[in-house]
Amino acid sequence: MPWHAKAVAAAVAAYALSPIDLIPDFIPVIGYLDDLIVVPLGILLALRLIPPSVLADLRARAAARIAARAERPVSYVGAALIGIVWVVAIGLLGVWLVPHLLE
């Protein structure tokens, strides 16, 4: 991957995550418009800077990983148990927190 494509991708990610914008977000409509324009254009530029052969190889690797992930076993029982643990933990937190908030 060329260094300049990595630099553009890093700059776009930094801009998207940065609290500093070209136009502040508190300005109605226009504040978010810069994010809607700058970020997609930056992503497009980063994709254009990647050579087609490299991009095709990376897409093939991603497709292979997705196919390998689809073949993994799935445990719905395990997922349900984790969900139950979270619900119980939130319930216990609520039982503990409500009396303290009503004082």
N, C-alpha and C. Protein backbone atom coordinates (compact mmCIF):
# COMPACT_ATOMS: atom_id res chain seq x y z
N MET A 1 0.87 -1.17 0.00
CA MET A 1 0.00 0.00 0.00
C MET A 1 0.91 1.23 0.00
N PRO A 2 0.68 2.17 -0.90
CA PRO A 2 1.50 3.39 -0.94
C PRO A 2 1.34 4.22 0.33
N TRP A 3 2.42 4.87 0.73
CA TRP A 3 2.40 5.66 1.97
C TRP A 3 1.42 6.82 1.87
N HIS A 4 1.29 7.41 0.68
CA HIS A 4 0.38 8.56 0.57
C HIS A 4 -1.08 8.15 0.70
N ALA A 5 -1.42 6.94 0.31
CA ALA A 5 -2.80 6.46 0.51
C ALA A 5 -3.06 6.24 2.00
N LYS A 6 -2.06 5.71 2.70
CA LYS A 6 -2.20 5.54 4.15
C LYS A 6 -2.32 6.89 4.85
N ALA A 7 -1.53 7.88 4.38
CA ALA A 7 -1.56 9.21 4.99
C ALA A 7 -2.92 9.87 4.79
N VAL A 8 -3.49 9.75 3.60
CA VAL A 8 -4.81 10.33 3.34
C VAL A 8 -5.88 9.63 4.18
N ALA A 9 -5.81 8.30 4.26
CA ALA A 9 -6.79 7.56 5.07
C ALA A 9 -6.67 7.94 6.54
N ALA A 10 -5.45 8.09 7.04
CA ALA A 10 -5.25 8.50 8.43
C ALA A 10 -5.77 9.91 8.67
N ALA A 11 -5.53 10.80 7.71
CA ALA A 11 -6.01 12.18 7.85
C ALA A 11 -7.53 12.24 7.84
N VAL A 12 -8.17 11.45 7.01
CA VAL A 12 -9.64 11.42 6.96
C VAL A 12 -10.19 10.87 8.27
N ALA A 13 -9.59 9.80 8.77
CA ALA A 13 -10.04 9.24 10.05
C ALA A 13 -9.84 10.23 11.19
N ALA A 14 -8.70 10.92 11.19
CA ALA A 14 -8.44 11.91 12.23
C ALA A 14 -9.44 13.06 12.14
N TYR A 15 -9.75 13.51 10.93
CA TYR A 15 -10.72 14.59 10.77
C TYR A 15 -12.11 14.14 11.23
N ALA A 16 -12.49 12.91 10.88
CA ALA A 16 -13.82 12.42 11.25
C ALA A 16 -13.95 12.27 12.76
N LEU A 17 -12.88 11.90 13.45
CA LEU A 17 -12.94 11.69 14.89
C LEU A 17 -12.56 12.92 15.70
N SER A 18 -12.01 13.92 15.04
CA SER A 18 -11.54 15.12 15.73
C SER A 18 -12.70 16.02 16.14
N PRO A 19 -12.61 16.64 17.31
CA PRO A 19 -13.65 17.59 17.70
C PRO A 19 -13.51 18.93 16.97
N ILE A 20 -12.41 19.11 16.26
CA ILE A 20 -12.18 20.36 15.53
C ILE A 20 -12.63 20.16 14.09
N ASP A 21 -13.53 21.02 13.61
CA ASP A 21 -14.05 20.94 12.24
C ASP A 21 -13.71 22.21 11.48
N LEU A 22 -13.85 22.13 10.16
CA LEU A 22 -13.70 23.34 9.35
C LEU A 22 -14.80 24.34 9.69
N ILE A 23 -16.02 23.82 9.81
CA ILE A 23 -17.17 24.63 10.21
C ILE A 23 -17.72 24.00 11.48
N PRO A 24 -17.85 24.76 12.57
CA PRO A 24 -18.33 24.16 13.83
C PRO A 24 -19.71 23.53 13.68
N ASP A 25 -19.90 22.42 14.40
CA ASP A 25 -21.15 21.65 14.29
C ASP A 25 -22.36 22.37 14.88
N PHE A 26 -22.15 23.36 15.74
CA PHE A 26 -23.30 24.02 16.34
C PHE A 26 -24.00 24.97 15.36
N ILE A 27 -23.40 25.23 14.20
CA ILE A 27 -24.07 26.03 13.17
C ILE A 27 -25.05 25.10 12.45
N PRO A 28 -26.35 25.44 12.47
CA PRO A 28 -27.34 24.53 11.90
C PRO A 28 -27.06 24.19 10.43
N VAL A 29 -27.25 22.96 10.09
CA VAL A 29 -27.13 22.37 8.76
C VAL A 29 -25.70 22.47 8.20
N ILE A 30 -25.16 23.66 8.11
CA ILE A 30 -23.83 23.84 7.51
C ILE A 30 -22.76 23.18 8.36
N GLY A 31 -22.96 23.14 9.68
CA GLY A 31 -21.98 22.52 10.56
C GLY A 31 -21.75 21.05 10.28
N TYR A 32 -22.81 20.35 9.90
CA TYR A 32 -22.67 18.92 9.57
C TYR A 32 -22.40 18.71 8.08
N LEU A 33 -22.66 19.71 7.28
CA LEU A 33 -22.47 19.58 5.84
C LEU A 33 -21.01 19.35 5.49
N ASP A 34 -20.09 20.00 6.23
CA ASP A 34 -18.67 19.78 5.92
C ASP A 34 -18.27 18.34 6.19
N ASP A 35 -18.83 17.73 7.25
CA ASP A 35 -18.53 16.32 7.52
C ASP A 35 -19.10 15.43 6.41
N LEU A 36 -20.26 15.77 5.92
CA LEU A 36 -20.89 14.96 4.87
C LEU A 36 -20.19 15.10 3.53
N ILE A 37 -19.38 16.13 3.37
CA ILE A 37 -18.67 16.33 2.10
C ILE A 37 -17.21 15.90 2.22
N VAL A 38 -16.53 16.35 3.27
CA VAL A 38 -15.09 16.13 3.40
C VAL A 38 -14.78 14.64 3.61
N VAL A 39 -15.49 13.98 4.49
CA VAL A 39 -15.17 12.58 4.80
C VAL A 39 -15.37 11.66 3.59
N PRO A 40 -16.53 11.68 2.91
CA PRO A 40 -16.65 10.80 1.73
C PRO A 40 -15.66 11.13 0.62
N LEU A 41 -15.38 12.41 0.40
CA LEU A 41 -14.39 12.76 -0.62
C LEU A 41 -13.00 12.28 -0.22
N GLY A 42 -12.67 12.35 1.06
CA GLY A 42 -11.38 11.85 1.52
C GLY A 42 -11.27 10.35 1.36
N ILE A 43 -12.34 9.64 1.65
CA ILE A 43 -12.33 8.18 1.46
C ILE A 43 -12.18 7.85 -0.02
N LEU A 44 -12.89 8.57 -0.86
CA LEU A 44 -12.78 8.36 -2.30
C LEU A 44 -11.36 8.62 -2.78
N LEU A 45 -10.74 9.69 -2.30
CA LEU A 45 -9.36 9.99 -2.68
C LEU A 45 -8.42 8.88 -2.22
N ALA A 46 -8.59 8.41 -0.99
CA ALA A 46 -7.73 7.33 -0.49
C ALA A 46 -7.89 6.06 -1.34
N LEU A 47 -9.11 5.74 -1.73
CA LEU A 47 -9.33 4.57 -2.58
C LEU A 47 -8.71 4.74 -3.96
N ARG A 48 -8.76 5.96 -4.48
CA ARG A 48 -8.17 6.21 -5.81
C ARG A 48 -6.64 6.13 -5.78
N LEU A 49 -6.04 6.41 -4.62
CA LEU A 49 -4.59 6.37 -4.50
C LEU A 49 -4.04 4.96 -4.36
N ILE A 50 -4.91 4.00 -4.04
CA ILE A 50 -4.48 2.60 -3.92
C ILE A 50 -4.46 1.98 -5.31
N PRO A 51 -3.35 1.36 -5.70
CA PRO A 51 -3.29 0.71 -7.03
C PRO A 51 -4.36 -0.37 -7.15
N PRO A 52 -4.94 -0.51 -8.35
CA PRO A 52 -6.02 -1.49 -8.54
C PRO A 52 -5.63 -2.92 -8.16
N SER A 53 -4.40 -3.31 -8.42
CA SER A 53 -3.98 -4.68 -8.09
C SER A 53 -3.96 -4.89 -6.57
N VAL A 54 -3.50 -3.89 -5.84
CA VAL A 54 -3.47 -3.99 -4.38
C VAL A 54 -4.89 -4.01 -3.83
N LEU A 55 -5.75 -3.15 -4.38
CA LEU A 55 -7.13 -3.09 -3.93
C LEU A 55 -7.85 -4.41 -4.20
N ALA A 56 -7.61 -5.01 -5.37
CA ALA A 56 -8.23 -6.30 -5.69
C ALA A 56 -7.74 -7.38 -4.74
N ASP A 57 -6.44 -7.37 -4.41
CA ASP A 57 -5.90 -8.36 -3.47
C ASP A 57 -6.52 -8.19 -2.08
N LEU A 58 -6.65 -6.96 -1.63
CA LEU A 58 -7.24 -6.71 -0.31
C LEU A 58 -8.71 -7.10 -0.26
N ARG A 59 -9.43 -6.84 -1.35
CA ARG A 59 -10.83 -7.24 -1.39
C ARG A 59 -10.97 -8.76 -1.40
N ALA A 60 -10.06 -9.45 -2.09
CA ALA A 60 -10.10 -10.92 -2.10
C ALA A 60 -9.81 -11.47 -0.70
N ARG A 61 -8.85 -10.86 0.00
CA ARG A 61 -8.56 -11.29 1.37
C ARG A 61 -9.76 -11.07 2.29
N ALA A 62 -10.41 -9.93 2.12
CA ALA A 62 -11.59 -9.63 2.95
C ALA A 62 -12.71 -10.63 2.68
N ALA A 63 -12.92 -10.96 1.41
CA ALA A 63 -13.95 -11.94 1.07
C ALA A 63 -13.62 -13.31 1.66
N ALA A 64 -12.34 -13.68 1.65
CA ALA A 64 -11.94 -14.97 2.21
C ALA A 64 -12.17 -14.98 3.73
N ARG A 65 -11.89 -13.86 4.40
CA ARG A 65 -12.12 -13.80 5.85
C ARG A 65 -13.60 -13.89 6.18
N ILE A 66 -14.42 -13.23 5.37
CA ILE A 66 -15.87 -13.29 5.60
C ILE A 66 -16.37 -14.71 5.40
N ALA A 67 -15.87 -15.38 4.36
CA ALA A 67 -16.28 -16.76 4.11
C ALA A 67 -15.83 -17.67 5.24
N ALA A 68 -14.61 -17.45 5.76
CA ALA A 68 -14.11 -18.28 6.86
C ALA A 68 -14.92 -18.02 8.13
N ARG A 69 -15.31 -16.78 8.34
CA ARG A 69 -16.10 -16.45 9.54
C ARG A 69 -17.48 -17.10 9.47
N ALA A 70 -18.03 -17.22 8.27
CA ALA A 70 -19.37 -17.82 8.13
C ALA A 70 -19.34 -19.30 8.46
N GLU A 71 -18.16 -19.93 8.36
CA GLU A 71 -18.05 -21.35 8.64
C GLU A 71 -17.84 -21.65 10.13
N ARG A 72 -17.62 -20.62 10.94
CA ARG A 72 -17.41 -20.84 12.37
C ARG A 72 -18.71 -21.27 13.04
N PRO A 73 -18.58 -22.08 14.08
CA PRO A 73 -19.79 -22.48 14.81
C PRO A 73 -20.37 -21.29 15.58
N VAL A 74 -21.68 -21.28 15.70
CA VAL A 74 -22.37 -20.21 16.41
C VAL A 74 -23.07 -20.82 17.62
N SER A 75 -22.91 -20.17 18.77
CA SER A 75 -23.54 -20.66 19.99
C SER A 75 -24.62 -19.68 20.43
N TYR A 76 -25.85 -20.01 20.12
CA TYR A 76 -26.97 -19.16 20.53
C TYR A 76 -27.21 -19.27 22.03
N VAL A 77 -26.90 -20.42 22.60
CA VAL A 77 -27.05 -20.60 24.04
C VAL A 77 -26.06 -19.68 24.76
N GLY A 78 -24.82 -19.64 24.29
CA GLY A 78 -23.83 -18.76 24.89
C GLY A 78 -24.22 -17.30 24.78
N ALA A 79 -24.74 -16.92 23.62
CA ALA A 79 -25.19 -15.54 23.44
C ALA A 79 -26.35 -15.22 24.38
N ALA A 80 -27.26 -16.16 24.54
CA ALA A 80 -28.40 -15.95 25.44
C ALA A 80 -27.92 -15.82 26.88
N LEU A 81 -26.95 -16.63 27.29
CA LEU A 81 -26.42 -16.55 28.65
C LEU A 81 -25.75 -15.20 28.91
N ILE A 82 -24.99 -14.72 27.95
CA ILE A 82 -24.36 -13.41 28.10
C ILE A 82 -25.43 -12.32 28.18
N GLY A 83 -26.47 -12.42 27.37
CA GLY A 83 -27.57 -11.47 27.43
C GLY A 83 -28.26 -11.49 28.79
N ILE A 84 -28.46 -12.68 29.33
CA ILE A 84 -29.09 -12.80 30.65
C ILE A 84 -28.21 -12.19 31.72
N VAL A 85 -26.91 -12.42 31.64
CA VAL A 85 -25.99 -11.82 32.62
C VAL A 85 -26.09 -10.30 32.58
N TRP A 86 -26.14 -9.73 31.38
CA TRP A 86 -26.26 -8.26 31.26
C TRP A 86 -27.58 -7.76 31.83
N VAL A 87 -28.66 -8.44 31.53
CA VAL A 87 -29.97 -8.02 32.03
C VAL A 87 -30.01 -8.09 33.55
N VAL A 88 -29.47 -9.16 34.12
CA VAL A 88 -29.43 -9.29 35.58
C VAL A 88 -28.55 -8.20 36.18
N ALA A 89 -27.39 -7.94 35.58
CA ALA A 89 -26.49 -6.91 36.10
C ALA A 89 -27.15 -5.54 36.05
N ILE A 90 -27.84 -5.22 34.99
CA ILE A 90 -28.53 -3.93 34.89
C ILE A 90 -29.68 -3.87 35.89
N GLY A 91 -30.39 -4.97 36.06
CA GLY A 91 -31.46 -5.01 37.05
C GLY A 91 -30.93 -4.81 38.46
N LEU A 92 -29.84 -5.47 38.81
CA LEU A 92 -29.24 -5.30 40.13
C LEU A 92 -28.74 -3.87 40.33
N LEU A 93 -28.18 -3.30 39.31
CA LEU A 93 -27.74 -1.90 39.38
C LEU A 93 -28.94 -0.99 39.62
N GLY A 94 -30.04 -1.27 38.95
CA GLY A 94 -31.25 -0.47 39.15
C GLY A 94 -31.80 -0.62 40.55
N VAL A 95 -31.81 -1.86 41.07
CA VAL A 95 -32.30 -2.11 42.43
C VAL A 95 -31.42 -1.38 43.44
N TRP A 96 -30.14 -1.33 43.21
CA TRP A 96 -29.22 -0.64 44.12
C TRP A 96 -29.30 0.87 43.96
N LEU A 97 -29.47 1.35 42.73
CA LEU A 97 -29.39 2.78 42.44
C LEU A 97 -30.68 3.52 42.79
N VAL A 98 -31.84 2.92 42.57
CA VAL A 98 -33.13 3.60 42.78
C VAL A 98 -33.28 4.12 44.22
N PRO A 99 -33.02 3.31 45.25
CA PRO A 99 -33.15 3.84 46.61
C PRO A 99 -32.22 5.03 46.89
N HIS A 100 -31.03 5.01 46.30
CA HIS A 100 -30.09 6.12 46.50
C HIS A 100 -30.54 7.38 45.78
N LEU A 101 -31.24 7.22 44.68
CA LEU A 101 -31.71 8.40 43.94
C LEU A 101 -32.95 9.00 44.60
N LEU A 102 -33.72 8.19 45.33
CA LEU A 102 -34.94 8.68 45.95
C LEU A 102 -34.69 9.31 47.31
N GLU A 103 -33.48 9.26 47.82
CA GLU A 103 -33.16 9.85 49.13
C GLU A 103 -33.19 11.35 49.08
